[in-house]
Protein backbone atom coordinates (compact mmCIF):
# COMPACT_ATOMS: atom_id res chain seq x y z
CA UNK A 1 0.00 0.00 0.00
CA UNK A 2 1.33 3.42 -0.98
CA UNK A 3 2.03 6.04 1.66
CA UNK A 4 0.49 8.53 -0.78
CA UNK A 5 -2.99 6.98 -0.47
CA UNK A 6 -5.08 8.72 2.19
CA UNK A 7 -7.68 6.80 4.18
CA UNK A 8 -10.59 9.09 5.00
CA UNK A 9 -13.40 8.61 7.51
CA UNK A 10 -16.80 10.20 8.00
CA UNK A 11 -15.11 12.55 10.48
CA UNK A 12 -12.35 13.86 8.18
CA UNK A 13 -13.86 13.42 4.68
CA UNK A 14 -14.76 17.11 4.29
CA UNK A 15 -11.23 18.20 5.22
CA UNK A 16 -9.42 15.50 3.19
CA UNK A 17 -11.59 15.76 0.06
CA UNK A 18 -13.94 18.73 -0.13
CA UNK A 19 -11.44 21.29 1.19
CA UNK A 20 -8.59 20.06 -1.02
CA UNK A 21 -6.93 22.53 -3.41
CA UNK A 22 -6.02 19.71 -5.79
CA UNK A 23 -8.26 17.16 -7.52
CA UNK A 24 -9.15 14.15 -5.37
CA UNK A 25 -9.97 10.66 -6.66
CA UNK A 26 -12.06 8.94 -3.98
CA UNK A 27 -12.29 5.14 -3.96
CA UNK A 28 -15.34 3.85 -2.08
CA UNK A 29 -14.40 0.26 -1.24
CA UNK A 30 -14.69 -2.55 1.34
CA UNK A 31 -12.20 -5.19 2.51
CA UNK A 32 -14.44 -8.05 1.29
CA UNK A 33 -14.78 -6.63 -2.26
CA UNK A 34 -12.77 -8.60 -4.84
CA UNK A 35 -12.85 -5.97 -7.61
CA UNK A 36 -11.79 -3.35 -5.04
CA UNK A 37 -8.69 -5.42 -4.27
CA UNK A 38 -8.01 -5.77 -8.01
CA UNK A 39 -7.77 -2.00 -8.58
CA UNK A 40 -5.89 -1.22 -5.35
CA UNK A 41 -2.38 -1.60 -6.91
CA UNK A 42 -3.33 0.76 -9.76
CA UNK A 43 -4.62 3.32 -7.26
CA UNK A 44 -1.38 3.03 -5.27
CA UNK A 45 0.64 3.68 -8.45
CA UNK A 46 -1.55 6.65 -9.42
CA UNK A 47 -1.19 8.14 -5.94
CA UNK A 48 2.59 8.08 -6.40
CA UNK A 49 2.47 9.33 -10.00
CA UNK A 50 0.16 12.24 -9.19
CA UNK A 51 1.69 13.13 -5.80
CA UNK A 52 1.59 16.92 -5.44
CA UNK A 53 -0.92 17.29 -8.31
CA UNK A 54 -3.85 15.13 -7.17
CA UNK A 55 -4.80 12.98 -4.20
CA UNK A 56 -6.09 9.42 -3.99
CA UNK A 57 -8.39 8.87 -1.02
CA UNK A 58 -9.97 5.57 0.04
CA UNK A 59 -13.20 5.38 2.05
CA UNK A 60 -14.17 2.02 3.60
CA UNK A 61 -17.96 1.95 3.18
CA UNK A 62 -18.45 -0.49 6.06
CA UNK A 63 -16.76 1.85 8.52
CA UNK A 64 -18.00 5.15 7.04
CA UNK A 65 -21.64 4.60 6.17
CA UNK A 66 -22.79 8.23 6.33
CA UNK A 67 -20.27 9.36 3.69
CA UNK A 68 -21.19 6.38 1.49
CA UNK A 69 -24.90 7.21 1.83
CA UNK A 70 -24.30 10.90 1.13
CA UNK A 71 -22.75 10.03 -2.25
CA UNK A 72 -25.29 7.28 -3.04
CA UNK A 73 -22.76 4.46 -3.11
CA UNK A 74 -24.73 1.38 -4.12
CA UNK A 75 -22.08 -0.63 -5.92
CA UNK A 76 -18.34 -0.87 -5.28
CA UNK A 77 -15.75 -0.08 -6.28
CA UNK A 78 -17.14 3.37 -6.98
CA UNK A 79 -14.71 6.16 -7.74
CA UNK A 80 -15.61 9.84 -7.67
CA UNK A 81 -13.34 12.62 -8.86
CA UNK A 82 -13.72 15.82 -6.83
CA UNK A 83 -12.49 19.23 -7.93
CA UNK A 84 -13.21 22.28 -5.83
CA UNK A 85 -15.37 20.20 -3.50
CA UNK A 86 -17.68 19.08 -6.33
CA UNK A 87 -18.04 15.69 -8.03
CA UNK A 88 -16.68 16.01 -11.58
CA UNK A 89 -16.65 12.38 -12.71
CA UNK A 90 -17.87 8.95 -11.62
CA UNK A 91 -16.58 5.46 -12.38
CA UNK A 92 -18.38 2.38 -11.10
CA UNK A 93 -16.67 -1.01 -11.24
CA UNK A 94 -13.11 -2.16 -11.68
CA UNK A 95 -11.23 -0.54 -14.55
CA UNK A 96 -7.59 -0.39 -15.58
CA UNK A 97 -4.96 2.09 -14.48
CA UNK A 98 -5.15 4.04 -17.77
CA UNK A 99 -8.90 4.62 -17.37
CA UNK A 100 -8.37 5.76 -13.79
CA UNK A 101 -5.63 8.16 -14.96
CA UNK A 102 -8.04 9.57 -17.58
CA UNK A 103 -10.51 10.35 -14.78
CA UNK A 104 -7.86 12.45 -13.01
CA UNK A 105 -6.60 14.11 -16.19
PDB file of N, CA and C in Angstrom:
ATOM      1  N   UNK A   1       0.842  -1.185   0.000  1.00  0.00           N
ATOM      2  CA  UNK A   1       0.000   0.000   0.000  1.00  0.00           C
ATOM      3  C   UNK A   1       0.889   1.251   0.000  1.00  0.00           C
ATOM      4  N   UNK A   2       0.544   2.195  -0.831  1.00  0.00           N
ATOM      5  CA  UNK A   2       1.331   3.417  -0.976  1.00  0.00           C
ATOM      6  C   UNK A   2       1.110   4.369   0.194  1.00  0.00           C
ATOM      7  N   UNK A   3       2.181   5.032   0.605  1.00  0.00           N
ATOM      8  CA  UNK A   3       2.032   6.041   1.664  1.00  0.00           C
ATOM      9  C   UNK A   3       1.338   7.287   1.137  1.00  0.00           C
ATOM     10  N   UNK A   4       1.155   7.373  -0.182  1.00  0.00           N
ATOM     11  CA  UNK A   4       0.492   8.530  -0.782  1.00  0.00           C
ATOM     12  C   UNK A   4      -1.032   8.400  -0.775  1.00  0.00           C
ATOM     13  N   UNK A   5      -1.543   7.186  -0.531  1.00  0.00           N
ATOM     14  CA  UNK A   5      -2.991   6.982  -0.473  1.00  0.00           C
ATOM     15  C   UNK A   5      -3.480   7.386   0.915  1.00  0.00           C
ATOM     16  N   UNK A   6      -4.505   8.226   0.940  1.00  0.00           N
ATOM     17  CA  UNK A   6      -5.078   8.721   2.194  1.00  0.00           C
ATOM     18  C   UNK A   6      -6.327   7.901   2.506  1.00  0.00           C
ATOM     19  N   UNK A   7      -6.474   7.500   3.748  1.00  0.00           N
ATOM     20  CA  UNK A   7      -7.684   6.796   4.176  1.00  0.00           C
ATOM     21  C   UNK A   7      -8.545   7.779   4.952  1.00  0.00           C
ATOM     22  N   UNK A   8      -9.708   8.112   4.386  1.00  0.00           N
ATOM     23  CA  UNK A   8     -10.592   9.093   5.002  1.00  0.00           C
ATOM     24  C   UNK A   8     -11.736   8.403   5.734  1.00  0.00           C
ATOM     25  N   UNK A   9     -12.262   9.094   6.724  1.00  0.00           N
ATOM     26  CA  UNK A   9     -13.400   8.611   7.507  1.00  0.00           C
ATOM     27  C   UNK A   9     -14.537   9.617   7.392  1.00  0.00           C
ATOM     28  N   UNK A  10     -15.682   9.253   7.963  1.00  0.00           N
ATOM     29  CA  UNK A  10     -16.797  10.201   8.000  1.00  0.00           C
ATOM     30  C   UNK A  10     -16.352  11.503   8.660  1.00  0.00           C
ATOM     31  N   UNK A  11     -15.520  11.385   9.693  1.00  0.00           N
ATOM     32  CA  UNK A  11     -15.109  12.553  10.476  1.00  0.00           C
ATOM     33  C   UNK A  11     -14.200  13.508   9.708  1.00  0.00           C
ATOM     34  N   UNK A  12     -13.313  12.972   8.854  1.00  0.00           N
ATOM     35  CA  UNK A  12     -12.352  13.857   8.178  1.00  0.00           C
ATOM     36  C   UNK A  12     -12.534  13.953   6.666  1.00  0.00           C
ATOM     37  N   UNK A  13     -13.632  13.408   6.127  1.00  0.00           N
ATOM     38  CA  UNK A  13     -13.858  13.424   4.682  1.00  0.00           C
ATOM     39  C   UNK A  13     -13.899  14.848   4.132  1.00  0.00           C
ATOM     40  N   UNK A  14     -14.640  15.731   4.792  1.00  0.00           N
ATOM     41  CA  UNK A  14     -14.759  17.112   4.294  1.00  0.00           C
ATOM     42  C   UNK A  14     -13.391  17.780   4.205  1.00  0.00           C
ATOM     43  N   UNK A  15     -12.567  17.592   5.218  1.00  0.00           N
ATOM     44  CA  UNK A  15     -11.229  18.197   5.219  1.00  0.00           C
ATOM     45  C   UNK A  15     -10.325  17.547   4.167  1.00  0.00           C
ATOM     46  N   UNK A  16     -10.323  16.217   4.096  1.00  0.00           N
ATOM     47  CA  UNK A  16      -9.422  15.498   3.188  1.00  0.00           C
ATOM     48  C   UNK A  16      -9.816  15.660   1.723  1.00  0.00           C
ATOM     49  N   UNK A  17     -11.117  15.768   1.449  1.00  0.00           N
ATOM     50  CA  UNK A  17     -11.591  15.758   0.058  1.00  0.00           C
ATOM     51  C   UNK A  17     -12.182  17.102  -0.363  1.00  0.00           C
ATOM     52  N   UNK A  18     -13.211  17.540   0.317  1.00  0.00           N
ATOM     53  CA  UNK A  18     -13.940  18.727  -0.134  1.00  0.00           C
ATOM     54  C   UNK A  18     -13.127  20.013  -0.012  1.00  0.00           C
ATOM     55  N   UNK A  19     -12.243  20.085   0.981  1.00  0.00           N
ATOM     56  CA  UNK A  19     -11.441  21.293   1.187  1.00  0.00           C
ATOM     57  C   UNK A  19     -10.110  21.265   0.440  1.00  0.00           C
ATOM     58  N   UNK A  20      -9.869  20.205  -0.328  1.00  0.00           N
ATOM     59  CA  UNK A  20      -8.589  20.062  -1.021  1.00  0.00           C
ATOM     60  C   UNK A  20      -8.444  21.069  -2.160  1.00  0.00           C
ATOM     61  N   UNK A  21      -7.232  21.617  -2.299  1.00  0.00           N
ATOM     62  CA  UNK A  21      -6.935  22.531  -3.410  1.00  0.00           C
ATOM     63  C   UNK A  21      -6.660  21.781  -4.701  1.00  0.00           C
ATOM     64  N   UNK A  22      -6.318  20.499  -4.596  1.00  0.00           N
ATOM     65  CA  UNK A  22      -6.020  19.708  -5.789  1.00  0.00           C
ATOM     66  C   UNK A  22      -7.132  18.687  -6.027  1.00  0.00           C
ATOM     67  N   UNK A  23      -7.242  18.180  -7.239  1.00  0.00           N
ATOM     68  CA  UNK A  23      -8.261  17.158  -7.521  1.00  0.00           C
ATOM     69  C   UNK A  23      -8.070  15.951  -6.602  1.00  0.00           C
ATOM     70  N   UNK A  24      -9.195  15.310  -6.255  1.00  0.00           N
ATOM     71  CA  UNK A  24      -9.155  14.147  -5.366  1.00  0.00           C
ATOM     72  C   UNK A  24      -9.955  13.011  -5.991  1.00  0.00           C
ATOM     73  N   UNK A  25      -9.295  11.867  -6.191  1.00  0.00           N
ATOM     74  CA  UNK A  25      -9.967  10.658  -6.662  1.00  0.00           C
ATOM     75  C   UNK A  25     -10.308   9.836  -5.428  1.00  0.00           C
ATOM     76  N   UNK A  26     -11.603   9.665  -5.165  1.00  0.00           N
ATOM     77  CA  UNK A  26     -12.063   8.936  -3.980  1.00  0.00           C
ATOM     78  C   UNK A  26     -12.515   7.541  -4.391  1.00  0.00           C
ATOM     79  N   UNK A  27     -11.946   6.544  -3.730  1.00  0.00           N
ATOM     80  CA  UNK A  27     -12.294   5.145  -3.959  1.00  0.00           C
ATOM     81  C   UNK A  27     -13.166   4.680  -2.801  1.00  0.00           C
ATOM     82  N   UNK A  28     -14.451   4.455  -3.075  1.00  0.00           N
ATOM     83  CA  UNK A  28     -15.337   3.848  -2.084  1.00  0.00           C
ATOM     84  C   UNK A  28     -15.189   2.343  -2.238  1.00  0.00           C
ATOM     85  N   UNK A  29     -14.779   1.663  -1.163  1.00  0.00           N
ATOM     86  CA  UNK A  29     -14.405   0.258  -1.237  1.00  0.00           C
ATOM     87  C   UNK A  29     -14.778  -0.440   0.076  1.00  0.00           C
ATOM     88  N   UNK A  30     -14.536  -1.759   0.111  1.00  0.00           N
ATOM     89  CA  UNK A  30     -14.694  -2.550   1.335  1.00  0.00           C
ATOM     90  C   UNK A  30     -13.681  -3.691   1.297  1.00  0.00           C
ATOM     91  N   UNK A  31     -13.214  -4.136   2.466  1.00  0.00           N
ATOM     92  CA  UNK A  31     -12.197  -5.191   2.513  1.00  0.00           C
ATOM     93  C   UNK A  31     -12.634  -6.511   1.871  1.00  0.00           C
ATOM     94  N   UNK A  32     -13.928  -6.787   1.835  1.00  0.00           N
ATOM     95  CA  UNK A  32     -14.440  -8.048   1.290  1.00  0.00           C
ATOM     96  C   UNK A  32     -14.689  -7.981  -0.222  1.00  0.00           C
ATOM     97  N   UNK A  33     -14.460  -6.849  -0.838  1.00  0.00           N
ATOM     98  CA  UNK A  33     -14.781  -6.631  -2.258  1.00  0.00           C
ATOM     99  C   UNK A  33     -13.614  -7.048  -3.156  1.00  0.00           C
ATOM    100  N   UNK A  34     -13.808  -8.113  -3.930  1.00  0.00           N
ATOM    101  CA  UNK A  34     -12.768  -8.604  -4.835  1.00  0.00           C
ATOM    102  C   UNK A  34     -12.317  -7.586  -5.869  1.00  0.00           C
ATOM    103  N   UNK A  35     -13.251  -6.977  -6.625  1.00  0.00           N
ATOM    104  CA  UNK A  35     -12.848  -5.972  -7.614  1.00  0.00           C
ATOM    105  C   UNK A  35     -12.120  -4.784  -6.981  1.00  0.00           C
ATOM    106  N   UNK A  36     -12.476  -4.445  -5.734  1.00  0.00           N
ATOM    107  CA  UNK A  36     -11.788  -3.346  -5.036  1.00  0.00           C
ATOM    108  C   UNK A  36     -10.313  -3.708  -4.832  1.00  0.00           C
ATOM    109  N   UNK A  37     -10.073  -4.960  -4.468  1.00  0.00           N
ATOM    110  CA  UNK A  37      -8.692  -5.424  -4.269  1.00  0.00           C
ATOM    111  C   UNK A  37      -7.926  -5.430  -5.590  1.00  0.00           C
ATOM    112  N   UNK A  38      -8.653  -5.723  -6.695  1.00  0.00           N
ATOM    113  CA  UNK A  38      -8.006  -5.765  -8.010  1.00  0.00           C
ATOM    114  C   UNK A  38      -7.480  -4.406  -8.439  1.00  0.00           C
ATOM    115  N   UNK A  39      -8.211  -3.329  -8.129  1.00  0.00           N
ATOM    116  CA  UNK A  39      -7.771  -2.000  -8.585  1.00  0.00           C
ATOM    117  C   UNK A  39      -6.854  -1.308  -7.584  1.00  0.00           C
ATOM    118  N   UNK A  40      -6.713  -1.871  -6.386  1.00  0.00           N
ATOM    119  CA  UNK A  40      -5.887  -1.223  -5.352  1.00  0.00           C
ATOM    120  C   UNK A  40      -4.453  -0.945  -5.808  1.00  0.00           C
ATOM    121  N   UNK A  41      -3.756  -1.907  -6.462  1.00  0.00           N
ATOM    122  CA  UNK A  41      -2.382  -1.604  -6.908  1.00  0.00           C
ATOM    123  C   UNK A  41      -2.325  -0.441  -7.903  1.00  0.00           C
ATOM    124  N   UNK A  42      -3.309  -0.343  -8.794  1.00  0.00           N
ATOM    125  CA  UNK A  42      -3.333   0.760  -9.765  1.00  0.00           C
ATOM    126  C   UNK A  42      -3.537   2.091  -9.045  1.00  0.00           C
ATOM    127  N   UNK A  43      -4.395   2.092  -8.028  1.00  0.00           N
ATOM    128  CA  UNK A  43      -4.620   3.321  -7.258  1.00  0.00           C
ATOM    129  C   UNK A  43      -3.365   3.728  -6.500  1.00  0.00           C
ATOM    130  N   UNK A  44      -2.642   2.733  -5.958  1.00  0.00           N
ATOM    131  CA  UNK A  44      -1.377   3.025  -5.269  1.00  0.00           C
ATOM    132  C   UNK A  44      -0.393   3.684  -6.230  1.00  0.00           C
ATOM    133  N   UNK A  45      -0.283   3.126  -7.446  1.00  0.00           N
ATOM    134  CA  UNK A  45       0.640   3.679  -8.445  1.00  0.00           C
ATOM    135  C   UNK A  45       0.225   5.096  -8.851  1.00  0.00           C
ATOM    136  N   UNK A  46      -1.069   5.308  -9.040  1.00  0.00           N
ATOM    137  CA  UNK A  46      -1.545   6.646  -9.419  1.00  0.00           C
ATOM    138  C   UNK A  46      -1.289   7.658  -8.312  1.00  0.00           C
ATOM    139  N   UNK A  47      -1.453   7.232  -7.066  1.00  0.00           N
ATOM    140  CA  UNK A  47      -1.194   8.136  -5.937  1.00  0.00           C
ATOM    141  C   UNK A  47       0.253   8.604  -5.959  1.00  0.00           C
ATOM    142  N   UNK A  48       1.168   7.711  -6.316  1.00  0.00           N
ATOM    143  CA  UNK A  48       2.586   8.078  -6.403  1.00  0.00           C
ATOM    144  C   UNK A  48       2.837   8.962  -7.620  1.00  0.00           C
ATOM    145  N   UNK A  49       2.268   8.584  -8.758  1.00  0.00           N
ATOM    146  CA  UNK A  49       2.468   9.327 -10.000  1.00  0.00           C
ATOM    147  C   UNK A  49       1.960  10.761  -9.894  1.00  0.00           C
ATOM    148  N   UNK A  50       0.804  10.928  -9.259  1.00  0.00           N
ATOM    149  CA  UNK A  50       0.162  12.239  -9.187  1.00  0.00           C
ATOM    150  C   UNK A  50       0.457  12.992  -7.896  1.00  0.00           C
ATOM    151  N   UNK A  51       1.363  12.487  -7.078  1.00  0.00           N
ATOM    152  CA  UNK A  51       1.685  13.134  -5.796  1.00  0.00           C
ATOM    153  C   UNK A  51       2.029  14.606  -6.031  1.00  0.00           C
ATOM    154  N   UNK A  52       1.371  15.485  -5.289  1.00  0.00           N
ATOM    155  CA  UNK A  52       1.588  16.917  -5.439  1.00  0.00           C
ATOM    156  C   UNK A  52       0.666  17.576  -6.452  1.00  0.00           C
ATOM    157  N   UNK A  53      -0.006  16.752  -7.293  1.00  0.00           N
ATOM    158  CA  UNK A  53      -0.920  17.294  -8.312  1.00  0.00           C
ATOM    159  C   UNK A  53      -2.353  16.843  -8.094  1.00  0.00           C
ATOM    160  N   UNK A  54      -2.520  15.686  -7.452  1.00  0.00           N
ATOM    161  CA  UNK A  54      -3.846  15.134  -7.165  1.00  0.00           C
ATOM    162  C   UNK A  54      -3.704  14.150  -6.012  1.00  0.00           C
ATOM    163  N   UNK A  55      -4.810  13.916  -5.320  1.00  0.00           N
ATOM    164  CA  UNK A  55      -4.802  12.979  -4.196  1.00  0.00           C
ATOM    165  C   UNK A  55      -5.633  11.748  -4.538  1.00  0.00           C
ATOM    166  N   UNK A  56      -5.268  10.627  -3.942  1.00  0.00           N
ATOM    167  CA  UNK A  56      -6.091   9.422  -3.989  1.00  0.00           C
ATOM    168  C   UNK A  56      -6.514   9.142  -2.553  1.00  0.00           C
ATOM    169  N   UNK A  57      -7.828   9.081  -2.353  1.00  0.00           N
ATOM    170  CA  UNK A  57      -8.393   8.868  -1.020  1.00  0.00           C
ATOM    171  C   UNK A  57      -9.287   7.635  -1.056  1.00  0.00           C
ATOM    172  N   UNK A  58      -9.130   6.765  -0.066  1.00  0.00           N
ATOM    173  CA  UNK A  58      -9.966   5.573   0.039  1.00  0.00           C
ATOM    174  C   UNK A  58     -10.920   5.742   1.215  1.00  0.00           C
ATOM    175  N   UNK A  59     -12.183   5.331   0.999  1.00  0.00           N
ATOM    176  CA  UNK A  59     -13.196   5.376   2.048  1.00  0.00           C
ATOM    177  C   UNK A  59     -13.798   3.972   2.164  1.00  0.00           C
ATOM    178  N   UNK A  60     -13.602   3.343   3.320  1.00  0.00           N
ATOM    179  CA  UNK A  60     -14.172   2.022   3.603  1.00  0.00           C
ATOM    180  C   UNK A  60     -15.658   2.222   3.908  1.00  0.00           C
ATOM    181  N   UNK A  61     -16.518   1.694   3.027  1.00  0.00           N
ATOM    182  CA  UNK A  61     -17.958   1.951   3.178  1.00  0.00           C
ATOM    183  C   UNK A  61     -18.555   1.267   4.404  1.00  0.00           C
ATOM    184  N   UNK A  62     -17.943   0.188   4.868  1.00  0.00           N
ATOM    185  CA  UNK A  62     -18.454  -0.493   6.057  1.00  0.00           C
ATOM    186  C   UNK A  62     -18.219   0.335   7.314  1.00  0.00           C
ATOM    187  N   UNK A  63     -17.117   1.052   7.349  1.00  0.00           N
ATOM    188  CA  UNK A  63     -16.756   1.852   8.521  1.00  0.00           C
ATOM    189  C   UNK A  63     -17.282   3.286   8.449  1.00  0.00           C
ATOM    190  N   UNK A  64     -17.628   3.736   7.255  1.00  0.00           N
ATOM    191  CA  UNK A  64     -18.002   5.146   7.038  1.00  0.00           C
ATOM    192  C   UNK A  64     -19.305   5.235   6.253  1.00  0.00           C
ATOM    193  N   UNK A  65     -20.346   4.726   6.862  1.00  0.00           N
ATOM    194  CA  UNK A  65     -21.639   4.603   6.168  1.00  0.00           C
ATOM    195  C   UNK A  65     -22.275   5.942   5.805  1.00  0.00           C
ATOM    196  N   UNK A  66     -22.100   6.962   6.640  1.00  0.00           N
ATOM    197  CA  UNK A  66     -22.790   8.228   6.335  1.00  0.00           C
ATOM    198  C   UNK A  66     -22.195   8.889   5.085  1.00  0.00           C
ATOM    199  N   UNK A  67     -20.878   8.804   4.903  1.00  0.00           N
ATOM    200  CA  UNK A  67     -20.272   9.363   3.687  1.00  0.00           C
ATOM    201  C   UNK A  67     -20.714   8.557   2.470  1.00  0.00           C
ATOM    202  N   UNK A  68     -20.748   7.236   2.599  1.00  0.00           N
ATOM    203  CA  UNK A  68     -21.191   6.381   1.490  1.00  0.00           C
ATOM    204  C   UNK A  68     -22.641   6.694   1.121  1.00  0.00           C
ATOM    205  N   UNK A  69     -23.491   6.892   2.107  1.00  0.00           N
ATOM    206  CA  UNK A  69     -24.899   7.213   1.826  1.00  0.00           C
ATOM    207  C   UNK A  69     -25.033   8.592   1.192  1.00  0.00           C
ATOM    208  N   UNK A  70     -24.235   9.542   1.665  1.00  0.00           N
ATOM    209  CA  UNK A  70     -24.296  10.901   1.132  1.00  0.00           C
ATOM    210  C   UNK A  70     -24.029  10.930  -0.372  1.00  0.00           C
ATOM    211  N   UNK A  71     -23.113  10.059  -0.819  1.00  0.00           N
ATOM    212  CA  UNK A  71     -22.748  10.030  -2.246  1.00  0.00           C
ATOM    213  C   UNK A  71     -23.416   8.875  -2.989  1.00  0.00           C
ATOM    214  N   UNK A  72     -24.463   8.302  -2.392  1.00  0.00           N
ATOM    215  CA  UNK A  72     -25.293   7.279  -3.040  1.00  0.00           C
ATOM    216  C   UNK A  72     -24.483   6.094  -3.554  1.00  0.00           C
ATOM    217  N   UNK A  73     -23.567   5.614  -2.725  1.00  0.00           N
ATOM    218  CA  UNK A  73     -22.758   4.458  -3.114  1.00  0.00           C
ATOM    219  C   UNK A  73     -23.617   3.212  -2.975  1.00  0.00           C
ATOM    220  N   UNK A  74     -23.908   2.585  -4.118  1.00  0.00           N
ATOM    221  CA  UNK A  74     -24.732   1.377  -4.120  1.00  0.00           C
ATOM    222  C   UNK A  74     -23.966   0.175  -4.642  1.00  0.00           C
ATOM    223  N   UNK A  75     -22.883   0.428  -5.331  1.00  0.00           N
ATOM    224  CA  UNK A  75     -22.075  -0.632  -5.923  1.00  0.00           C
ATOM    225  C   UNK A  75     -20.613  -0.220  -5.778  1.00  0.00           C
ATOM    226  N   UNK A  76     -19.765  -1.190  -5.423  1.00  0.00           N
ATOM    227  CA  UNK A  76     -18.343  -0.865  -5.280  1.00  0.00           C
ATOM    228  C   UNK A  76     -17.515  -1.802  -6.140  1.00  0.00           C
ATOM    229  N   UNK A  77     -16.328  -1.394  -6.562  1.00  0.00           N
ATOM    230  CA  UNK A  77     -15.750  -0.085  -6.283  1.00  0.00           C
ATOM    231  C   UNK A  77     -16.469   1.029  -7.039  1.00  0.00           C
ATOM    232  N   UNK A  78     -16.586   2.165  -6.359  1.00  0.00           N
ATOM    233  CA  UNK A  78     -17.136   3.366  -6.980  1.00  0.00           C
ATOM    234  C   UNK A  78     -16.129   4.477  -6.748  1.00  0.00           C
ATOM    235  N   UNK A  79     -15.700   5.090  -7.830  1.00  0.00           N
ATOM    236  CA  UNK A  79     -14.709   6.159  -7.743  1.00  0.00           C
ATOM    237  C   UNK A  79     -15.343   7.476  -8.166  1.00  0.00           C
ATOM    238  N   UNK A  80     -15.118   8.488  -7.354  1.00  0.00           N
ATOM    239  CA  UNK A  80     -15.605   9.835  -7.666  1.00  0.00           C
ATOM    240  C   UNK A  80     -14.402  10.764  -7.735  1.00  0.00           C
ATOM    241  N   UNK A  81     -14.383  11.607  -8.757  1.00  0.00           N
ATOM    242  CA  UNK A  81     -13.339  12.623  -8.856  1.00  0.00           C
ATOM    243  C   UNK A  81     -13.929  13.945  -8.391  1.00  0.00           C
ATOM    244  N   UNK A  82     -13.301  14.531  -7.365  1.00  0.00           N
ATOM    245  CA  UNK A  82     -13.724  15.817  -6.830  1.00  0.00           C
ATOM    246  C   UNK A  82     -12.741  16.899  -7.255  1.00  0.00           C
ATOM    247  N   UNK A  83     -13.282  18.030  -7.683  1.00  0.00           N
ATOM    248  CA  UNK A  83     -12.485  19.235  -7.934  1.00  0.00           C
ATOM    249  C   UNK A  83     -13.243  20.385  -7.313  1.00  0.00           C
ATOM    250  N   UNK A  84     -12.555  21.162  -6.486  1.00  0.00           N
ATOM    251  CA  UNK A  84     -13.210  22.283  -5.831  1.00  0.00           C
ATOM    252  C   UNK A  84     -14.386  21.871  -4.968  1.00  0.00           C
ATOM    253  N   UNK A  85     -14.310  20.677  -4.379  1.00  0.00           N
ATOM    254  CA  UNK A  85     -15.373  20.205  -3.505  1.00  0.00           C
ATOM    255  C   UNK A  85     -16.589  19.649  -4.216  1.00  0.00           C
ATOM    256  N   UNK A  86     -16.549  19.576  -5.547  1.00  0.00           N
ATOM    257  CA  UNK A  86     -17.684  19.083  -6.335  1.00  0.00           C
ATOM    258  C   UNK A  86     -17.307  17.822  -7.100  1.00  0.00           C
ATOM    259  N   UNK A  87     -18.266  16.907  -7.242  1.00  0.00           N
ATOM    260  CA  UNK A  87     -18.041  15.692  -8.027  1.00  0.00           C
ATOM    261  C   UNK A  87     -17.970  16.075  -9.504  1.00  0.00           C
ATOM    262  N   UNK A  88     -16.877  15.702 -10.156  1.00  0.00           N
ATOM    263  CA  UNK A  88     -16.676  16.012 -11.576  1.00  0.00           C
ATOM    264  C   UNK A  88     -16.824  14.790 -12.474  1.00  0.00           C
ATOM    265  N   UNK A  89     -16.573  13.599 -11.905  1.00  0.00           N
ATOM    266  CA  UNK A  89     -16.653  12.379 -12.710  1.00  0.00           C
ATOM    267  C   UNK A  89     -16.925  11.196 -11.790  1.00  0.00           C
ATOM    268  N   UNK A  90     -17.548  10.165 -12.362  1.00  0.00           N
ATOM    269  CA  UNK A  90     -17.872   8.953 -11.619  1.00  0.00           C
ATOM    270  C   UNK A  90     -17.458   7.732 -12.432  1.00  0.00           C
ATOM    271  N   UNK A  91     -16.902   6.740 -11.752  1.00  0.00           N
ATOM    272  CA  UNK A  91     -16.575   5.462 -12.382  1.00  0.00           C
ATOM    273  C   UNK A  91     -17.032   4.361 -11.433  1.00  0.00           C
ATOM    274  N   UNK A  92     -17.912   3.493 -11.917  1.00  0.00           N
ATOM    275  CA  UNK A  92     -18.380   2.378 -11.095  1.00  0.00           C
ATOM    276  C   UNK A  92     -17.823   1.093 -11.689  1.00  0.00           C
ATOM    277  N   UNK A  93     -17.246   0.260 -10.818  1.00  0.00           N
ATOM    278  CA  UNK A  93     -16.675  -1.006 -11.244  1.00  0.00           C
ATOM    279  C   UNK A  93     -15.176  -0.909 -11.442  1.00  0.00           C
ATOM    280  N   UNK A  94     -14.567  -2.088 -11.523  1.00  0.00           N
ATOM    281  CA  UNK A  94     -13.115  -2.158 -11.678  1.00  0.00           C
ATOM    282  C   UNK A  94     -12.717  -1.817 -13.110  1.00  0.00           C
ATOM    283  N   UNK A  95     -11.770  -0.914 -13.247  1.00  0.00           N
ATOM    284  CA  UNK A  95     -11.227  -0.541 -14.551  1.00  0.00           C
ATOM    285  C   UNK A  95      -9.708  -0.499 -14.435  1.00  0.00           C
ATOM    286  N   UNK A  96      -9.047  -0.396 -15.559  1.00  0.00           N
ATOM    287  CA  UNK A  96      -7.590  -0.385 -15.576  1.00  0.00           C
ATOM    288  C   UNK A  96      -6.999   0.948 -15.156  1.00  0.00           C
ATOM    289  N   UNK A  97      -5.692   0.907 -14.930  1.00  0.00           N
ATOM    290  CA  UNK A  97      -4.959   2.093 -14.484  1.00  0.00           C
ATOM    291  C   UNK A  97      -5.099   3.248 -15.470  1.00  0.00           C
ATOM    292  N   UNK A  98      -5.059   2.970 -16.775  1.00  0.00           N
ATOM    293  CA  UNK A  98      -5.149   4.042 -17.774  1.00  0.00           C
ATOM    294  C   UNK A  98      -6.497   4.745 -17.713  1.00  0.00           C
ATOM    295  N   UNK A  99      -7.583   3.995 -17.472  1.00  0.00           N
ATOM    296  CA  UNK A  99      -8.898   4.615 -17.367  1.00  0.00           C
ATOM    297  C   UNK A  99      -8.993   5.464 -16.100  1.00  0.00           C
ATOM    298  N   UNK A 100      -8.373   4.998 -15.033  1.00  0.00           N
ATOM    299  CA  UNK A 100      -8.366   5.763 -13.790  1.00  0.00           C
ATOM    300  C   UNK A 100      -7.560   7.057 -13.973  1.00  0.00           C
ATOM    301  N   UNK A 101      -6.444   6.970 -14.694  1.00  0.00           N
ATOM    302  CA  UNK A 101      -5.626   8.156 -14.957  1.00  0.00           C
ATOM    303  C   UNK A 101      -6.408   9.166 -15.797  1.00  0.00           C
ATOM    304  N   UNK A 102      -7.203   8.670 -16.755  1.00  0.00           N
ATOM    305  CA  UNK A 102      -8.035   9.565 -17.582  1.00  0.00           C
ATOM    306  C   UNK A 102      -9.044  10.328 -16.720  1.00  0.00           C
ATOM    307  N   UNK A 103      -9.580   9.667 -15.690  1.00  0.00           N
ATOM    308  CA  UNK A 103     -10.508  10.354 -14.784  1.00  0.00           C
ATOM    309  C   UNK A 103      -9.824  11.569 -14.154  1.00  0.00           C
ATOM    310  N   UNK A 104      -8.599  11.368 -13.683  1.00  0.00           N
ATOM    311  CA  UNK A 104      -7.859  12.446 -13.012  1.00  0.00           C
ATOM    312  C   UNK A 104      -7.491  13.542 -14.015  1.00  0.00           C
ATOM    313  N   UNK A 105      -7.033  13.130 -15.182  1.00  0.00           N
ATOM    314  CA  UNK A 105      -6.598  14.111 -16.189  1.00  0.00           C
ATOM    315  C   UNK A 105      -7.789  14.874 -16.736  1.00  0.00           C
TER     316      UNK A 105
END
